């Protein structure tokens, strides 16, 4: 176990931010997460985060996963002080960090997220992992399931995908798994592309539209200039930024600010 001190880090806000669906509260100030084939428990006490893992595992996986090297305070300080809405949103959600998540997992997760709420998305993904993912045991004896591979979902029967509460998204998941398996879209190549090229490539996948592609770019490829627009964001853009959001000012940090806006509005604060 190791303790890391980090400002602008809230495990609770990250858990509830809508970018990660396999992280959950499992006790007072305690959080459980399955990612990168690993099971992690962590406890937060103010700016101190206790990671229940080895130093090597933290250095090779979790440091990058939680984007620990980025100075989020500096990004927040760069917000126009006259933009009362955005400064308020950033203050409210200042513990959110943009996670570096697995590209394949984010493709399927955000296909499932369409016309869905966070609670239901979590349940769908949990069922999908339990039915099609590899069963594993953590060092502390916890049973968990890895995210299903493209092969396992390409081999799935449609009725088994429907049984995971995916509804019409079942076909999207099946078709996309086959596209990845046959390299119609090459995930290794996508990881090397710039934002616009990667987005165009992701749009070739069944069930991936503009908003889903932007979510994948932001939360898997760490393209922080991606700015996903859903009903929450569109409402804010219409009411708070009728002349347009100042993308030219915030550039590569626009996607981070999007998360503050989304979280602020999601919780009824905006």
C-alpha atoms as a PDB file:
ATOM      1  CA  UNK A   1       0.000   0.000   0.000  1.00  0.00           C
ATOM      2  CA  UNK A   2       1.221   3.461  -0.832  1.00  0.00           C
ATOM      3  CA  UNK A   3      -0.026   6.955   0.000  1.00  0.00           C
ATOM      4  CA  UNK A   4       0.049   9.702  -2.610  1.00  0.00           C
ATOM      5  CA  UNK A   5      -0.600  13.356  -1.882  1.00  0.00           C
ATOM      6  CA  UNK A   6      -2.427  15.134  -4.675  1.00  0.00           C
ATOM      7  CA  UNK A   7      -4.472  18.320  -4.868  1.00  0.00           C
ATOM      8  CA  UNK A   8      -7.422  18.606  -7.233  1.00  0.00           C
ATOM      9  CA  UNK A   9      -8.160  14.904  -6.800  1.00  0.00           C
ATOM     10  CA  UNK A  10     -11.541  13.688  -5.589  1.00  0.00           C
ATOM     11  CA  UNK A  11     -12.196   9.965  -5.899  1.00  0.00           C
ATOM     12  CA  UNK A  12     -15.880  10.697  -5.287  1.00  0.00           C
ATOM     13  CA  UNK A  13     -16.133  13.252  -8.091  1.00  0.00           C
ATOM     14  CA  UNK A  14     -14.198  11.044 -10.498  1.00  0.00           C
ATOM     15  CA  UNK A  15     -16.492   8.133  -9.600  1.00  0.00           C
ATOM     16  CA  UNK A  16     -19.618  10.178 -10.305  1.00  0.00           C
ATOM     17  CA  UNK A  17     -18.350  12.152 -13.299  1.00  0.00           C
ATOM     18  CA  UNK A  18     -19.751   9.846 -15.983  1.00  0.00           C
ATOM     19  CA  UNK A  19     -16.437   8.952 -17.591  1.00  0.00           C
ATOM     20  CA  UNK A  20     -15.763   5.701 -15.709  1.00  0.00           C
ATOM     21  CA  UNK A  21     -18.391   2.997 -15.129  1.00  0.00           C
ATOM     22  CA  UNK A  22     -16.383   0.375 -13.217  1.00  0.00           C
ATOM     23  CA  UNK A  23     -15.436   2.515 -10.232  1.00  0.00           C
ATOM     24  CA  UNK A  24     -17.746   2.547  -7.221  1.00  0.00           C
ATOM     25  CA  UNK A  25     -17.906   3.431  -3.550  1.00  0.00           C
ATOM     26  CA  UNK A  26     -17.298   0.385  -1.342  1.00  0.00           C
ATOM     27  CA  UNK A  27     -17.166   1.976   2.121  1.00  0.00           C
ATOM     28  CA  UNK A  28     -16.584   5.299   3.857  1.00  0.00           C
ATOM     29  CA  UNK A  29     -14.187   7.252   1.633  1.00  0.00           C
ATOM     30  CA  UNK A  30     -13.245   3.915   0.026  1.00  0.00           C
ATOM     31  CA  UNK A  31     -13.475   3.193  -3.688  1.00  0.00           C
ATOM     32  CA  UNK A  32     -13.130   0.032  -5.783  1.00  0.00           C
ATOM     33  CA  UNK A  33     -12.098   0.001  -9.420  1.00  0.00           C
ATOM     34  CA  UNK A  34     -11.490  -2.557 -12.148  1.00  0.00           C
ATOM     35  CA  UNK A  35      -9.261  -1.280 -14.951  1.00  0.00           C
ATOM     36  CA  UNK A  36      -6.291  -2.465 -17.000  1.00  0.00           C
ATOM     37  CA  UNK A  37      -7.078  -6.028 -15.925  1.00  0.00           C
ATOM     38  CA  UNK A  38      -6.467  -5.078 -12.285  1.00  0.00           C
ATOM     39  CA  UNK A  39      -8.619  -4.623  -9.189  1.00  0.00           C
ATOM     40  CA  UNK A  40      -7.819  -1.553  -7.095  1.00  0.00           C
ATOM     41  CA  UNK A  41      -9.085  -0.305  -3.756  1.00  0.00           C
ATOM     42  CA  UNK A  42      -8.238   3.179  -2.562  1.00  0.00           C
ATOM     43  CA  UNK A  43      -9.112   5.355   0.386  1.00  0.00           C
ATOM     44  CA  UNK A  44      -9.065   9.143   0.330  1.00  0.00           C
ATOM     45  CA  UNK A  45      -8.475  11.435   3.290  1.00  0.00           C
ATOM     46  CA  UNK A  46      -8.415  15.058   2.102  1.00  0.00           C
ATOM     47  CA  UNK A  47      -5.408  15.342  -0.260  1.00  0.00           C
ATOM     48  CA  UNK A  48      -4.011  11.949   0.751  1.00  0.00           C
ATOM     49  CA  UNK A  49      -4.977   8.938  -1.347  1.00  0.00           C
ATOM     50  CA  UNK A  50      -4.093   5.463  -0.117  1.00  0.00           C
ATOM     51  CA  UNK A  51      -3.661   3.085  -3.054  1.00  0.00           C
ATOM     52  CA  UNK A  52      -3.857  -0.570  -2.032  1.00  0.00           C
ATOM     53  CA  UNK A  53      -1.229  -1.718  -4.509  1.00  0.00           C
ATOM     54  CA  UNK A  54       2.535  -1.963  -4.873  1.00  0.00           C
ATOM     55  CA  UNK A  55       4.698   1.006  -5.807  1.00  0.00           C
ATOM     56  CA  UNK A  56       5.492  -0.712  -9.104  1.00  0.00           C
ATOM     57  CA  UNK A  57       1.810  -1.157  -9.963  1.00  0.00           C
ATOM     58  CA  UNK A  58       1.092   2.466  -9.079  1.00  0.00           C
ATOM     59  CA  UNK A  59       4.010   3.696 -11.197  1.00  0.00           C
ATOM     60  CA  UNK A  60       3.179   1.522 -14.215  1.00  0.00           C
ATOM     61  CA  UNK A  61      -0.639   1.759 -14.177  1.00  0.00           C
ATOM     62  CA  UNK A  62      -2.397   4.097 -11.769  1.00  0.00           C
ATOM     63  CA  UNK A  63      -0.157   7.163 -11.987  1.00  0.00           C
ATOM     64  CA  UNK A  64      -0.996   7.500 -15.663  1.00  0.00           C
ATOM     65  CA  UNK A  65      -4.567   6.184 -15.347  1.00  0.00           C
ATOM     66  CA  UNK A  66      -5.498   8.980 -12.921  1.00  0.00           C
ATOM     67  CA  UNK A  67      -3.453  11.577 -14.839  1.00  0.00           C
ATOM     68  CA  UNK A  68      -1.501  12.398 -11.681  1.00  0.00           C
ATOM     69  CA  UNK A  69       1.200  14.401 -13.457  1.00  0.00           C
ATOM     70  CA  UNK A  70      -1.165  17.059 -14.843  1.00  0.00           C
ATOM     71  CA  UNK A  71      -1.505  20.315 -12.892  1.00  0.00           C
ATOM     72  CA  UNK A  72      -5.283  20.826 -12.844  1.00  0.00           C
ATOM     73  CA  UNK A  73      -4.982  23.874 -10.576  1.00  0.00           C
ATOM     74  CA  UNK A  74      -3.058  25.626 -13.342  1.00  0.00           C
ATOM     75  CA  UNK A  75      -5.801  24.786 -15.836  1.00  0.00           C
ATOM     76  CA  UNK A  76      -8.460  26.181 -13.495  1.00  0.00           C
ATOM     77  CA  UNK A  77      -6.371  29.311 -12.914  1.00  0.00           C
ATOM     78  CA  UNK A  78      -6.448  29.886 -16.672  1.00  0.00           C
ATOM     79  CA  UNK A  79     -10.233  30.339 -16.714  1.00  0.00           C
ATOM     80  CA  UNK A  80     -11.463  33.857 -17.458  1.00  0.00           C
ATOM     81  CA  UNK A  81     -12.343  35.368 -14.051  1.00  0.00           C
ATOM     82  CA  UNK A  82     -15.256  37.212 -15.691  1.00  0.00           C
ATOM     83  CA  UNK A  83     -16.853  33.908 -16.711  1.00  0.00           C
ATOM     84  CA  UNK A  84     -18.795  33.387 -13.491  1.00  0.00           C
ATOM     85  CA  UNK A  85     -20.503  30.215 -14.694  1.00  0.00           C
ATOM     86  CA  UNK A  86     -17.311  28.434 -15.738  1.00  0.00           C
ATOM     87  CA  UNK A  87     -15.339  29.494 -12.659  1.00  0.00           C
ATOM     88  CA  UNK A  88     -18.199  28.218 -10.483  1.00  0.00           C
ATOM     89  CA  UNK A  89     -18.345  24.918 -12.390  1.00  0.00           C
ATOM     90  CA  UNK A  90     -14.588  24.420 -12.061  1.00  0.00           C
ATOM     91  CA  UNK A  91     -14.667  25.204  -8.348  1.00  0.00           C
ATOM     92  CA  UNK A  92     -17.510  22.723  -7.864  1.00  0.00           C
ATOM     93  CA  UNK A  93     -15.854  19.888  -9.822  1.00  0.00           C
ATOM     94  CA  UNK A  94     -12.198  20.701  -9.192  1.00  0.00           C
ATOM     95  CA  UNK A  95     -11.440  17.143  -8.023  1.00  0.00           C
ATOM     96  CA  UNK A  96     -12.247  15.606 -11.424  1.00  0.00           C
ATOM     97  CA  UNK A  97      -9.345  14.370 -13.526  1.00  0.00           C
ATOM     98  CA  UNK A  98      -9.526  13.058 -17.091  1.00  0.00           C
ATOM     99  CA  UNK A  99      -8.706   9.363 -16.848  1.00  0.00           C
ATOM    100  CA  UNK A 100      -6.502   7.481 -19.304  1.00  0.00           C
ATOM    101  CA  UNK A 101      -8.771   4.512 -19.930  1.00  0.00           C
ATOM    102  CA  UNK A 102      -8.628   1.539 -22.277  1.00  0.00           C
ATOM    103  CA  UNK A 103      -9.699   2.411 -25.816  1.00  0.00           C
ATOM    104  CA  UNK A 104     -11.652  -0.801 -26.497  1.00  0.00           C
ATOM    105  CA  UNK A 105     -13.473  -0.587 -23.152  1.00  0.00           C
ATOM    106  CA  UNK A 106     -14.442   3.044 -23.785  1.00  0.00           C
ATOM    107  CA  UNK A 107     -15.766   2.253 -27.271  1.00  0.00           C
ATOM    108  CA  UNK A 108     -18.168  -0.357 -25.904  1.00  0.00           C
ATOM    109  CA  UNK A 109     -18.976   1.615 -22.732  1.00  0.00           C
ATOM    110  CA  UNK A 110     -20.015   4.725 -24.599  1.00  0.00           C
ATOM    111  CA  UNK A 111     -21.947   2.797 -27.225  1.00  0.00           C
ATOM    112  CA  UNK A 112     -23.924   1.411 -24.272  1.00  0.00           C
ATOM    113  CA  UNK A 113     -24.225   4.905 -22.758  1.00  0.00           C
ATOM    114  CA  UNK A 114     -26.496   6.196 -25.542  1.00  0.00           C
ATOM    115  CA  UNK A 115     -29.969   7.201 -24.341  1.00  0.00           C
ATOM    116  CA  UNK A 116     -29.043   5.768 -20.943  1.00  0.00           C
ATOM    117  CA  UNK A 117     -28.383   6.976 -17.389  1.00  0.00           C
ATOM    118  CA  UNK A 118     -25.228   6.343 -15.376  1.00  0.00           C
ATOM    119  CA  UNK A 119     -26.816   3.860 -12.956  1.00  0.00           C
ATOM    120  CA  UNK A 120     -28.180   1.739 -15.794  1.00  0.00           C
ATOM    121  CA  UNK A 121     -24.941   1.938 -17.798  1.00  0.00           C
ATOM    122  CA  UNK A 122     -23.049   0.585 -14.781  1.00  0.00           C
ATOM    123  CA  UNK A 123     -25.471  -2.327 -14.484  1.00  0.00           C
ATOM    124  CA  UNK A 124     -25.237  -3.164 -18.200  1.00  0.00           C
ATOM    125  CA  UNK A 125     -21.446  -3.162 -18.143  1.00  0.00           C
ATOM    126  CA  UNK A 126     -21.364  -5.226 -14.939  1.00  0.00           C
ATOM    127  CA  UNK A 127     -23.568  -7.884 -16.554  1.00  0.00           C
ATOM    128  CA  UNK A 128     -21.507  -7.806 -19.744  1.00  0.00           C
ATOM    129  CA  UNK A 129     -18.257  -8.319 -17.819  1.00  0.00           C
ATOM    130  CA  UNK A 130     -19.665 -11.119 -15.665  1.00  0.00           C
ATOM    131  CA  UNK A 131     -21.022 -12.971 -18.688  1.00  0.00           C
ATOM    132  CA  UNK A 132     -18.207 -12.421 -21.179  1.00  0.00           C
ATOM    133  CA  UNK A 133     -15.151 -11.241 -19.213  1.00  0.00           C
ATOM    134  CA  UNK A 134     -12.360 -13.325 -17.716  1.00  0.00           C
ATOM    135  CA  UNK A 135     -12.874 -14.162 -14.038  1.00  0.00           C
ATOM    136  CA  UNK A 136      -9.948 -13.105 -11.862  1.00  0.00           C
ATOM    137  CA  UNK A 137      -8.943 -13.044  -8.191  1.00  0.00           C
ATOM    138  CA  UNK A 138      -7.157 -10.005  -6.741  1.00  0.00           C
ATOM    139  CA  UNK A 139      -4.134 -10.230  -4.419  1.00  0.00           C
ATOM    140  CA  UNK A 140      -6.531  -9.589  -1.510  1.00  0.00           C
ATOM    141  CA  UNK A 141      -8.841 -12.419  -2.602  1.00  0.00           C
ATOM    142  CA  UNK A 142     -11.548 -10.334  -4.298  1.00  0.00           C
ATOM    143  CA  UNK A 143     -13.274 -11.935  -7.284  1.00  0.00           C
ATOM    144  CA  UNK A 144     -13.683  -9.597 -10.260  1.00  0.00           C
ATOM    145  CA  UNK A 145     -14.146  -9.760 -14.020  1.00  0.00           C
ATOM    146  CA  UNK A 146     -11.967  -8.260 -16.709  1.00  0.00           C
ATOM    147  CA  UNK A 147     -13.595  -6.336 -19.548  1.00  0.00           C
ATOM    148  CA  UNK A 148     -14.642  -8.664 -22.409  1.00  0.00           C
ATOM    149  CA  UNK A 149     -12.297  -8.942 -25.378  1.00  0.00           C
ATOM    150  CA  UNK A 150     -13.417  -8.131 -28.941  1.00  0.00           C
ATOM    151  CA  UNK A 151     -13.265 -11.879 -29.656  1.00  0.00           C
ATOM    152  CA  UNK A 152     -15.615 -12.770 -26.796  1.00  0.00           C
ATOM    153  CA  UNK A 153     -18.213 -10.196 -27.867  1.00  0.00           C
ATOM    154  CA  UNK A 154     -17.881 -11.056 -31.568  1.00  0.00           C
ATOM    155  CA  UNK A 155     -18.618 -14.683 -30.635  1.00  0.00           C
ATOM    156  CA  UNK A 156     -21.602 -13.727 -28.453  1.00  0.00           C
ATOM    157  CA  UNK A 157     -25.146 -14.706 -29.301  1.00  0.00           C
ATOM    158  CA  UNK A 158     -27.478 -11.786 -29.768  1.00  0.00           C
ATOM    159  CA  UNK A 159     -29.893 -13.060 -27.108  1.00  0.00           C
ATOM    160  CA  UNK A 160     -27.033 -13.165 -24.581  1.00  0.00           C
ATOM    161  CA  UNK A 161     -26.202  -9.530 -25.313  1.00  0.00           C
ATOM    162  CA  UNK A 162     -29.871  -8.604 -24.906  1.00  0.00           C
ATOM    163  CA  UNK A 163     -29.807 -10.440 -21.555  1.00  0.00           C
ATOM    164  CA  UNK A 164     -27.256  -7.842 -20.392  1.00  0.00           C
ATOM    165  CA  UNK A 165     -29.994  -5.183 -20.764  1.00  0.00           C
ATOM    166  CA  UNK A 166     -28.320  -3.639 -23.810  1.00  0.00           C
ATOM    167  CA  UNK A 167     -31.535  -3.413 -25.831  1.00  0.00           C
ATOM    168  CA  UNK A 168     -31.044  -2.077 -29.371  1.00  0.00           C
ATOM    169  CA  UNK A 169     -27.380  -1.412 -28.510  1.00  0.00           C
ATOM    170  CA  UNK A 170     -26.791  -5.192 -28.590  1.00  0.00           C
ATOM    171  CA  UNK A 171     -26.408  -5.088 -32.378  1.00  0.00           C
ATOM    172  CA  UNK A 172     -24.043  -2.109 -32.130  1.00  0.00           C
ATOM    173  CA  UNK A 173     -21.831  -3.976 -29.657  1.00  0.00           C
ATOM    174  CA  UNK A 174     -21.819  -7.123 -31.789  1.00  0.00           C
ATOM    175  CA  UNK A 175     -21.083  -5.314 -35.062  1.00  0.00           C
ATOM    176  CA  UNK A 176     -18.384  -3.141 -33.492  1.00  0.00           C
ATOM    177  CA  UNK A 177     -16.660  -6.154 -31.903  1.00  0.00           C
ATOM    178  CA  UNK A 178     -16.519  -7.803 -35.315  1.00  0.00           C
ATOM    179  CA  UNK A 179     -15.212  -4.611 -36.947  1.00  0.00           C
ATOM    180  CA  UNK A 180     -12.378  -4.396 -34.427  1.00  0.00           C
ATOM    181  CA  UNK A 181     -11.624  -8.108 -34.682  1.00  0.00           C
ATOM    182  CA  UNK A 182     -11.352  -7.877 -38.473  1.00  0.00           C
ATOM    183  CA  UNK A 183      -9.351  -4.630 -38.199  1.00  0.00           C
ATOM    184  CA  UNK A 184     -11.863  -2.592 -40.194  1.00  0.00           C
ATOM    185  CA  UNK A 185     -10.786  -0.049 -37.588  1.00  0.00           C
ATOM    186  CA  UNK A 186      -7.270  -0.624 -36.199  1.00  0.00           C
ATOM    187  CA  UNK A 187      -7.154   0.394 -32.534  1.00  0.00           C
ATOM    188  CA  UNK A 188      -3.354   0.539 -32.455  1.00  0.00           C
ATOM    189  CA  UNK A 189      -3.413   2.969 -35.355  1.00  0.00           C
ATOM    190  CA  UNK A 190      -6.184   5.054 -33.765  1.00  0.00           C
ATOM    191  CA  UNK A 191      -4.035   5.558 -30.655  1.00  0.00           C
ATOM    192  CA  UNK A 192      -1.388   7.264 -32.798  1.00  0.00           C
ATOM    193  CA  UNK A 193      -3.779   9.618 -34.615  1.00  0.00           C
ATOM    194  CA  UNK A 194      -4.511  13.249 -33.864  1.00  0.00           C
ATOM    195  CA  UNK A 195      -7.947  14.142 -32.501  1.00  0.00           C
ATOM    196  CA  UNK A 196      -9.760  14.865 -35.777  1.00  0.00           C
ATOM    197  CA  UNK A 197      -8.333  11.827 -37.566  1.00  0.00           C
ATOM    198  CA  UNK A 198      -9.073   9.517 -34.637  1.00  0.00           C
ATOM    199  CA  UNK A 199     -12.618  10.826 -34.378  1.00  0.00           C
ATOM    200  CA  UNK A 200     -13.234  10.246 -38.095  1.00  0.00           C
ATOM    201  CA  UNK A 201     -11.938   6.694 -37.760  1.00  0.00           C
ATOM    202  CA  UNK A 202     -14.126   5.949 -34.718  1.00  0.00           C
ATOM    203  CA  UNK A 203     -17.199   7.206 -36.589  1.00  0.00           C
ATOM    204  CA  UNK A 204     -16.824   4.203 -38.910  1.00  0.00           C
ATOM    205  CA  UNK A 205     -17.912   1.899 -36.062  1.00  0.00           C
ATOM    206  CA  UNK A 206     -21.528   0.783 -35.750  1.00  0.00           C
ATOM    207  CA  UNK A 207     -23.362   2.821 -33.135  1.00  0.00           C
ATOM    208  CA  UNK A 208     -20.660   5.476 -32.802  1.00  0.00           C
ATOM    209  CA  UNK A 209     -21.933   8.976 -33.513  1.00  0.00           C
ATOM    210  CA  UNK A 210     -20.340  12.367 -32.951  1.00  0.00           C
ATOM    211  CA  UNK A 211     -20.957  12.572 -29.197  1.00  0.00           C
ATOM    212  CA  UNK A 212     -19.830   8.983 -28.516  1.00  0.00           C
ATOM    213  CA  UNK A 213     -16.702   9.467 -30.663  1.00  0.00           C
ATOM    214  CA  UNK A 214     -15.828  12.617 -28.704  1.00  0.00           C
ATOM    215  CA  UNK A 215     -16.296  10.775 -25.387  1.00  0.00           C
ATOM    216  CA  UNK A 216     -13.961   8.011 -26.582  1.00  0.00           C
ATOM    217  CA  UNK A 217     -11.386  10.554 -27.737  1.00  0.00           C
ATOM    218  CA  UNK A 218     -11.504  12.377 -24.405  1.00  0.00           C
ATOM    219  CA  UNK A 219     -11.655   9.482 -21.948  1.00  0.00           C
ATOM    220  CA  UNK A 220      -9.531   6.875 -23.755  1.00  0.00           C
ATOM    221  CA  UNK A 221      -7.184   8.772 -26.070  1.00  0.00           C
ATOM    222  CA  UNK A 222      -6.816  11.758 -23.726  1.00  0.00           C
ATOM    223  CA  UNK A 223      -7.582  14.167 -26.559  1.00  0.00           C
ATOM    224  CA  UNK A 224      -8.466  16.988 -24.170  1.00  0.00           C
ATOM    225  CA  UNK A 225      -9.528  19.242 -27.031  1.00  0.00           C
ATOM    226  CA  UNK A 226     -12.499  16.864 -27.586  1.00  0.00           C
ATOM    227  CA  UNK A 227     -15.705  18.441 -26.272  1.00  0.00           C
ATOM    228  CA  UNK A 228     -18.588  15.926 -26.107  1.00  0.00           C
ATOM    229  CA  UNK A 229     -22.011  17.533 -26.394  1.00  0.00           C
ATOM    230  CA  UNK A 230     -25.015  15.863 -24.760  1.00  0.00           C
ATOM    231  CA  UNK A 231     -28.273  17.354 -23.482  1.00  0.00           C
ATOM    232  CA  UNK A 232     -26.547  18.812 -20.392  1.00  0.00           C
ATOM    233  CA  UNK A 233     -23.794  20.489 -22.398  1.00  0.00           C
ATOM    234  CA  UNK A 234     -26.111  21.722 -25.163  1.00  0.00           C
ATOM    235  CA  UNK A 235     -28.391  23.315 -22.564  1.00  0.00           C
ATOM    236  CA  UNK A 236     -25.458  25.149 -20.992  1.00  0.00           C
ATOM    237  CA  UNK A 237     -24.086  26.265 -24.361  1.00  0.00           C
ATOM    238  CA  UNK A 238     -27.498  27.659 -25.320  1.00  0.00           C
ATOM    239  CA  UNK A 239     -28.175  29.468 -22.036  1.00  0.00           C
ATOM    240  CA  UNK A 240     -24.696  30.526 -20.917  1.00  0.00           C
ATOM    241  CA  UNK A 241     -22.795  30.847 -24.194  1.00  0.00           C
ATOM    242  CA  UNK A 242     -25.276  32.046 -26.841  1.00  0.00           C
ATOM    243  CA  UNK A 243     -22.383  33.539 -28.827  1.00  0.00           C
ATOM    244  CA  UNK A 244     -20.433  30.296 -28.658  1.00  0.00           C
ATOM    245  CA  UNK A 245     -18.069  28.682 -26.174  1.00  0.00           C
ATOM    246  CA  UNK A 246     -14.578  30.310 -26.271  1.00  0.00           C
ATOM    247  CA  UNK A 247     -12.746  27.294 -27.690  1.00  0.00           C
ATOM    248  CA  UNK A 248     -10.038  29.529 -29.117  1.00  0.00           C
ATOM    249  CA  UNK A 249      -9.127  30.657 -25.587  1.00  0.00           C
ATOM    250  CA  UNK A 250      -9.043  27.236 -23.939  1.00  0.00           C
ATOM    251  CA  UNK A 251      -7.835  25.091 -26.847  1.00  0.00           C
ATOM    252  CA  UNK A 252      -6.458  21.758 -25.654  1.00  0.00           C
ATOM    253  CA  UNK A 253      -8.047  22.208 -22.208  1.00  0.00           C
ATOM    254  CA  UNK A 254     -11.602  22.542 -23.562  1.00  0.00           C
ATOM    255  CA  UNK A 255     -12.456  18.899 -22.851  1.00  0.00           C
ATOM    256  CA  UNK A 256     -11.367  19.227 -19.215  1.00  0.00           C
ATOM    257  CA  UNK A 257     -13.599  22.269 -18.814  1.00  0.00           C
ATOM    258  CA  UNK A 258     -16.422  20.278 -20.448  1.00  0.00           C
ATOM    259  CA  UNK A 259     -16.204  17.802 -17.577  1.00  0.00           C
ATOM    260  CA  UNK A 260     -16.546  20.573 -14.997  1.00  0.00           C
ATOM    261  CA  UNK A 261     -19.596  21.926 -16.857  1.00  0.00           C
ATOM    262  CA  UNK A 262     -21.169  18.465 -17.227  1.00  0.00           C
ATOM    263  CA  UNK A 263     -20.672  17.567 -13.561  1.00  0.00           C
ATOM    264  CA  UNK A 264     -21.966  20.966 -12.383  1.00  0.00           C
ATOM    265  CA  UNK A 265     -25.108  20.730 -14.492  1.00  0.00           C
ATOM    266  CA  UNK A 266     -25.614  17.007 -13.819  1.00  0.00           C
ATOM    267  CA  UNK A 267     -25.874  17.745 -10.108  1.00  0.00           C
ATOM    268  CA  UNK A 268     -28.317  20.617 -10.564  1.00  0.00           C
ATOM    269  CA  UNK A 269     -25.846  23.330  -9.650  1.00  0.00           C
ATOM    270  CA  UNK A 270     -25.828  25.110 -12.982  1.00  0.00           C
END
